[in-house]
């Protein structure tokens, strides 16, 4: 099985705006998977929320399989995106400093 993906993107989570949610990310088109660089974050579960449109009220948790517990950070992971273009990451622990998230969409 081979994967194709977009170029890596990055976006900063400004904790003064929302200390427990990334901004909405736009992949440019729908993808099957999300390759994600998880920065060092305060310990607690991370949950992927997705949407077909970039509207805050339309985001929902895709499934429990994308809920992970972050303890260290600074690692890459691949999450199922289910054909969505927009996503954000909820952190159940409040972050004290801005975080830079790196990501790219991937398809089979």
N, C-alpha and C. Protein backbone atom coordinates (compact mmCIF):
# COMPACT_ATOMS: atom_id res chain seq x y z
N UNK A 1 0.84 -1.16 0.00
CA UNK A 1 0.00 0.00 0.00
C UNK A 1 0.90 1.23 0.00
N UNK A 2 0.61 2.19 -0.87
CA UNK A 2 1.41 3.42 -0.87
C UNK A 2 0.50 4.60 -0.55
N UNK A 3 1.10 5.60 0.05
CA UNK A 3 0.38 6.80 0.45
C UNK A 3 0.92 7.99 -0.32
N UNK A 4 0.05 8.92 -0.64
CA UNK A 4 0.49 10.19 -1.20
C UNK A 4 -0.02 11.28 -0.27
N UNK A 5 0.73 12.35 -0.19
CA UNK A 5 0.33 13.40 0.75
C UNK A 5 0.70 14.78 0.29
N UNK A 6 0.14 15.74 0.95
CA UNK A 6 0.43 17.13 0.68
C UNK A 6 1.74 17.52 1.36
N UNK A 7 2.22 18.71 1.08
CA UNK A 7 3.40 19.23 1.76
C UNK A 7 3.06 19.50 3.23
N UNK A 8 4.08 19.42 4.08
CA UNK A 8 3.88 19.70 5.50
C UNK A 8 3.45 21.15 5.68
N UNK A 9 2.49 21.35 6.58
CA UNK A 9 2.01 22.67 6.97
C UNK A 9 2.24 22.83 8.46
N UNK A 10 2.29 24.07 8.92
CA UNK A 10 2.37 24.30 10.36
C UNK A 10 1.50 25.48 10.74
N UNK A 11 1.02 25.44 11.96
CA UNK A 11 0.19 26.52 12.47
C UNK A 11 0.39 26.60 13.98
N UNK A 12 0.37 27.82 14.49
CA UNK A 12 0.60 28.06 15.91
C UNK A 12 -0.73 28.13 16.65
N UNK A 13 -0.78 27.45 17.76
CA UNK A 13 -1.92 27.55 18.67
C UNK A 13 -1.60 28.66 19.66
N UNK A 14 -2.34 29.75 19.59
CA UNK A 14 -2.15 30.88 20.49
C UNK A 14 -2.96 30.62 21.76
N UNK A 15 -2.29 30.34 22.87
CA UNK A 15 -2.99 29.94 24.09
C UNK A 15 -3.75 31.09 24.73
N UNK A 16 -3.48 32.33 24.34
CA UNK A 16 -4.28 33.43 24.88
C UNK A 16 -5.67 33.45 24.24
N UNK A 17 -5.80 32.86 23.03
CA UNK A 17 -7.11 32.76 22.37
C UNK A 17 -7.89 31.55 22.86
N UNK A 18 -7.21 30.39 22.95
CA UNK A 18 -7.85 29.17 23.45
C UNK A 18 -6.75 28.23 23.94
N UNK A 19 -6.62 28.07 25.26
CA UNK A 19 -5.53 27.25 25.80
C UNK A 19 -5.76 25.75 25.70
N UNK A 20 -6.92 25.31 25.19
CA UNK A 20 -7.17 23.87 25.14
C UNK A 20 -7.70 23.40 23.78
N UNK A 21 -7.57 24.24 22.73
CA UNK A 21 -8.04 23.85 21.40
C UNK A 21 -7.14 24.52 20.36
N UNK A 22 -6.72 23.74 19.38
CA UNK A 22 -5.97 24.33 18.27
C UNK A 22 -6.90 25.18 17.43
N UNK A 23 -6.35 26.03 16.60
CA UNK A 23 -7.22 26.69 15.62
C UNK A 23 -7.73 25.65 14.63
N UNK A 24 -8.71 26.01 13.84
CA UNK A 24 -9.21 25.12 12.80
C UNK A 24 -8.16 25.01 11.70
N UNK A 25 -7.81 23.81 11.30
CA UNK A 25 -6.84 23.58 10.24
C UNK A 25 -7.57 23.23 8.95
N UNK A 26 -7.10 23.75 7.84
CA UNK A 26 -7.68 23.48 6.52
C UNK A 26 -6.63 22.77 5.67
N UNK A 27 -6.93 21.55 5.26
CA UNK A 27 -6.00 20.77 4.45
C UNK A 27 -6.09 21.09 2.95
N UNK A 28 -7.04 21.91 2.56
CA UNK A 28 -7.18 22.27 1.16
C UNK A 28 -8.11 21.37 0.37
N UNK A 29 -8.24 20.14 0.81
CA UNK A 29 -9.16 19.17 0.21
C UNK A 29 -9.31 18.01 1.18
N UNK A 30 -10.31 17.16 1.00
CA UNK A 30 -10.48 16.02 1.91
C UNK A 30 -9.35 14.99 1.78
N UNK A 31 -8.98 14.40 2.89
CA UNK A 31 -7.96 13.35 2.94
C UNK A 31 -8.45 12.19 3.81
N UNK A 32 -7.86 11.01 3.59
CA UNK A 32 -8.21 9.82 4.36
C UNK A 32 -7.51 9.79 5.73
N UNK A 33 -6.27 10.28 5.75
CA UNK A 33 -5.45 10.20 6.96
C UNK A 33 -4.77 11.54 7.23
N UNK A 34 -4.39 11.71 8.47
CA UNK A 34 -3.68 12.90 8.92
C UNK A 34 -2.36 12.47 9.53
N UNK A 35 -1.26 12.95 8.98
CA UNK A 35 0.03 12.74 9.61
C UNK A 35 0.31 13.99 10.43
N UNK A 36 0.62 13.80 11.69
CA UNK A 36 0.66 14.90 12.65
C UNK A 36 1.93 14.85 13.47
N UNK A 37 2.57 16.01 13.60
CA UNK A 37 3.67 16.17 14.54
C UNK A 37 3.07 16.76 15.80
N UNK A 38 3.13 16.04 16.89
CA UNK A 38 2.55 16.48 18.16
C UNK A 38 3.66 17.14 18.98
N UNK A 39 3.51 18.45 19.26
CA UNK A 39 4.53 19.13 20.06
C UNK A 39 4.43 18.71 21.53
N UNK A 40 5.36 19.17 22.34
CA UNK A 40 5.28 18.92 23.77
C UNK A 40 4.07 19.69 24.31
N UNK A 41 3.14 18.95 24.90
CA UNK A 41 1.94 19.56 25.48
C UNK A 41 1.78 19.06 26.92
N UNK A 42 1.01 19.80 27.69
CA UNK A 42 0.72 19.35 29.05
C UNK A 42 -0.05 18.04 28.98
N UNK A 43 0.26 17.14 29.89
CA UNK A 43 -0.27 15.79 29.85
C UNK A 43 -1.79 15.77 29.91
N UNK A 44 -2.35 14.97 29.01
CA UNK A 44 -3.80 14.78 28.96
C UNK A 44 -4.21 14.27 27.60
N UNK A 45 -5.41 13.76 27.47
CA UNK A 45 -5.87 13.23 26.20
C UNK A 45 -5.95 14.30 25.11
N UNK A 46 -5.68 13.88 23.88
CA UNK A 46 -5.86 14.70 22.68
C UNK A 46 -6.95 14.05 21.86
N UNK A 47 -7.89 14.83 21.36
CA UNK A 47 -8.99 14.30 20.58
C UNK A 47 -9.09 15.04 19.26
N UNK A 48 -9.18 14.30 18.18
CA UNK A 48 -9.34 14.88 16.85
C UNK A 48 -10.81 15.19 16.61
N UNK A 49 -11.09 16.44 16.22
CA UNK A 49 -12.44 16.84 15.82
C UNK A 49 -12.37 17.23 14.35
N UNK A 50 -13.38 16.85 13.57
CA UNK A 50 -13.38 17.06 12.12
C UNK A 50 -14.66 17.77 11.69
N UNK A 51 -14.62 18.31 10.46
CA UNK A 51 -15.79 18.97 9.91
C UNK A 51 -15.68 18.99 8.39
N UNK A 52 -16.81 18.99 7.72
CA UNK A 52 -16.85 19.13 6.26
C UNK A 52 -16.74 20.60 5.86
N UNK A 53 -17.04 21.52 6.79
CA UNK A 53 -16.96 22.96 6.54
C UNK A 53 -16.19 23.61 7.68
N UNK A 54 -15.60 24.75 7.42
CA UNK A 54 -14.79 25.43 8.43
C UNK A 54 -15.68 26.32 9.30
N UNK A 55 -16.64 25.67 9.97
CA UNK A 55 -17.59 26.37 10.82
C UNK A 55 -17.49 25.75 12.21
N UNK A 56 -17.19 26.57 13.22
CA UNK A 56 -16.93 26.05 14.56
C UNK A 56 -18.03 25.15 15.09
N UNK A 57 -19.29 25.44 14.77
CA UNK A 57 -20.38 24.64 15.31
C UNK A 57 -20.55 23.29 14.62
N UNK A 58 -19.83 23.06 13.52
CA UNK A 58 -19.95 21.80 12.76
C UNK A 58 -18.92 20.75 13.14
N UNK A 59 -17.95 21.05 13.99
CA UNK A 59 -16.91 20.09 14.34
C UNK A 59 -17.44 19.04 15.30
N UNK A 60 -16.99 17.80 15.11
CA UNK A 60 -17.38 16.71 15.99
C UNK A 60 -16.23 15.72 16.10
N UNK A 61 -16.25 14.95 17.18
CA UNK A 61 -15.23 13.92 17.40
C UNK A 61 -15.49 12.79 16.43
N UNK A 62 -14.48 12.43 15.63
CA UNK A 62 -14.65 11.40 14.61
C UNK A 62 -14.87 10.03 15.25
N UNK A 63 -14.02 9.65 16.19
CA UNK A 63 -14.17 8.37 16.90
C UNK A 63 -13.22 8.34 18.07
N UNK A 64 -13.42 7.39 18.94
CA UNK A 64 -12.52 7.25 20.09
C UNK A 64 -11.16 6.73 19.70
N UNK A 65 -11.02 6.19 18.49
CA UNK A 65 -9.71 5.67 18.10
C UNK A 65 -8.71 6.79 17.88
N UNK A 66 -9.18 8.03 17.73
CA UNK A 66 -8.27 9.16 17.56
C UNK A 66 -8.04 9.91 18.86
N UNK A 67 -8.52 9.39 19.96
CA UNK A 67 -8.26 10.00 21.25
C UNK A 67 -7.03 9.33 21.84
N UNK A 68 -5.99 10.09 22.03
CA UNK A 68 -4.77 9.53 22.61
C UNK A 68 -4.40 10.32 23.85
N UNK A 69 -3.59 9.74 24.67
CA UNK A 69 -3.10 10.44 25.85
C UNK A 69 -1.68 10.89 25.57
N UNK A 70 -1.49 12.19 25.56
CA UNK A 70 -0.16 12.74 25.31
C UNK A 70 0.58 12.87 26.63
N UNK A 71 1.80 12.38 26.65
CA UNK A 71 2.60 12.48 27.86
C UNK A 71 3.91 13.21 27.63
N UNK A 72 4.48 13.10 26.46
CA UNK A 72 5.77 13.70 26.20
C UNK A 72 5.71 14.68 25.03
N UNK A 73 5.15 14.25 23.92
CA UNK A 73 5.12 15.09 22.73
C UNK A 73 6.40 14.93 21.94
N UNK A 74 6.56 15.81 20.95
CA UNK A 74 7.69 15.75 20.03
C UNK A 74 7.73 14.41 19.30
N UNK A 75 6.59 13.95 18.81
CA UNK A 75 6.57 12.72 18.02
C UNK A 75 5.52 12.83 16.92
N UNK A 76 5.65 11.95 15.93
CA UNK A 76 4.72 11.90 14.80
C UNK A 76 3.74 10.76 15.01
N UNK A 77 2.53 10.97 14.49
CA UNK A 77 1.52 9.93 14.54
C UNK A 77 0.65 10.07 13.29
N UNK A 78 -0.06 9.01 12.93
CA UNK A 78 -0.99 9.04 11.82
C UNK A 78 -2.37 8.71 12.37
N UNK A 79 -3.33 9.59 12.09
CA UNK A 79 -4.70 9.41 12.56
C UNK A 79 -5.63 9.28 11.36
N UNK A 80 -6.68 8.50 11.52
CA UNK A 80 -7.70 8.40 10.48
C UNK A 80 -8.48 9.70 10.42
N UNK A 81 -8.63 10.25 9.22
CA UNK A 81 -9.31 11.52 9.03
C UNK A 81 -10.69 11.34 8.40
N UNK A 82 -10.91 10.19 7.77
CA UNK A 82 -12.23 9.84 7.26
C UNK A 82 -12.78 10.72 6.15
N UNK A 83 -11.89 11.23 5.28
CA UNK A 83 -12.36 12.02 4.15
C UNK A 83 -12.76 13.44 4.50
N UNK A 84 -12.22 13.98 5.57
CA UNK A 84 -12.52 15.36 5.96
C UNK A 84 -11.39 16.30 5.55
N UNK A 85 -11.74 17.56 5.38
CA UNK A 85 -10.78 18.60 4.99
C UNK A 85 -10.38 19.47 6.18
N UNK A 86 -11.27 19.66 7.11
CA UNK A 86 -11.03 20.56 8.24
C UNK A 86 -10.93 19.75 9.53
N UNK A 87 -10.00 20.15 10.38
CA UNK A 87 -9.85 19.47 11.67
C UNK A 87 -9.30 20.42 12.71
N UNK A 88 -9.42 20.02 13.94
CA UNK A 88 -8.80 20.71 15.07
C UNK A 88 -8.54 19.68 16.15
N UNK A 89 -7.70 20.02 17.11
CA UNK A 89 -7.32 19.07 18.15
C UNK A 89 -7.65 19.65 19.51
N UNK A 90 -8.50 18.93 20.23
CA UNK A 90 -8.85 19.34 21.59
C UNK A 90 -7.86 18.72 22.55
N UNK A 91 -7.36 19.55 23.44
CA UNK A 91 -6.46 19.08 24.50
C UNK A 91 -7.21 19.21 25.82
N UNK A 92 -7.25 18.14 26.57
CA UNK A 92 -8.01 18.15 27.81
C UNK A 92 -7.23 18.76 28.96
N UNK A 93 -5.97 19.10 28.71
CA UNK A 93 -5.16 19.84 29.69
C UNK A 93 -4.89 21.22 29.11
N UNK A 94 -5.06 22.24 29.91
CA UNK A 94 -4.81 23.60 29.46
C UNK A 94 -3.32 23.79 29.20
N UNK A 95 -3.00 24.43 28.08
CA UNK A 95 -1.61 24.68 27.71
C UNK A 95 -1.19 26.07 28.20
N UNK A 96 0.07 26.18 28.64
CA UNK A 96 0.57 27.44 29.20
C UNK A 96 1.36 28.26 28.20
N UNK A 97 1.82 27.63 27.13
CA UNK A 97 2.62 28.33 26.13
C UNK A 97 2.07 27.99 24.74
N UNK A 98 2.34 28.88 23.79
CA UNK A 98 1.92 28.63 22.41
C UNK A 98 2.56 27.35 21.89
N UNK A 99 1.83 26.63 21.06
CA UNK A 99 2.30 25.35 20.49
C UNK A 99 2.29 25.44 18.97
N UNK A 100 3.32 24.90 18.33
CA UNK A 100 3.36 24.83 16.87
C UNK A 100 3.03 23.41 16.46
N UNK A 101 1.93 23.24 15.74
CA UNK A 101 1.47 21.96 15.25
C UNK A 101 1.87 21.83 13.79
N UNK A 102 2.40 20.68 13.41
CA UNK A 102 2.75 20.40 12.01
C UNK A 102 1.91 19.23 11.53
N UNK A 103 1.44 19.31 10.29
CA UNK A 103 0.51 18.31 9.81
C UNK A 103 0.52 18.25 8.29
N UNK A 104 0.00 17.14 7.78
CA UNK A 104 -0.27 17.02 6.35
C UNK A 104 -1.33 15.95 6.14
N UNK A 105 -2.15 16.15 5.11
CA UNK A 105 -3.14 15.16 4.73
C UNK A 105 -2.49 14.08 3.91
N UNK A 106 -3.02 12.85 4.03
CA UNK A 106 -2.48 11.71 3.29
C UNK A 106 -3.65 10.89 2.75
N UNK A 107 -3.46 10.35 1.55
CA UNK A 107 -4.45 9.46 0.94
C UNK A 107 -3.79 8.18 0.46
N UNK A 108 -4.59 7.14 0.34
CA UNK A 108 -4.08 5.86 -0.16
C UNK A 108 -4.08 5.91 -1.66
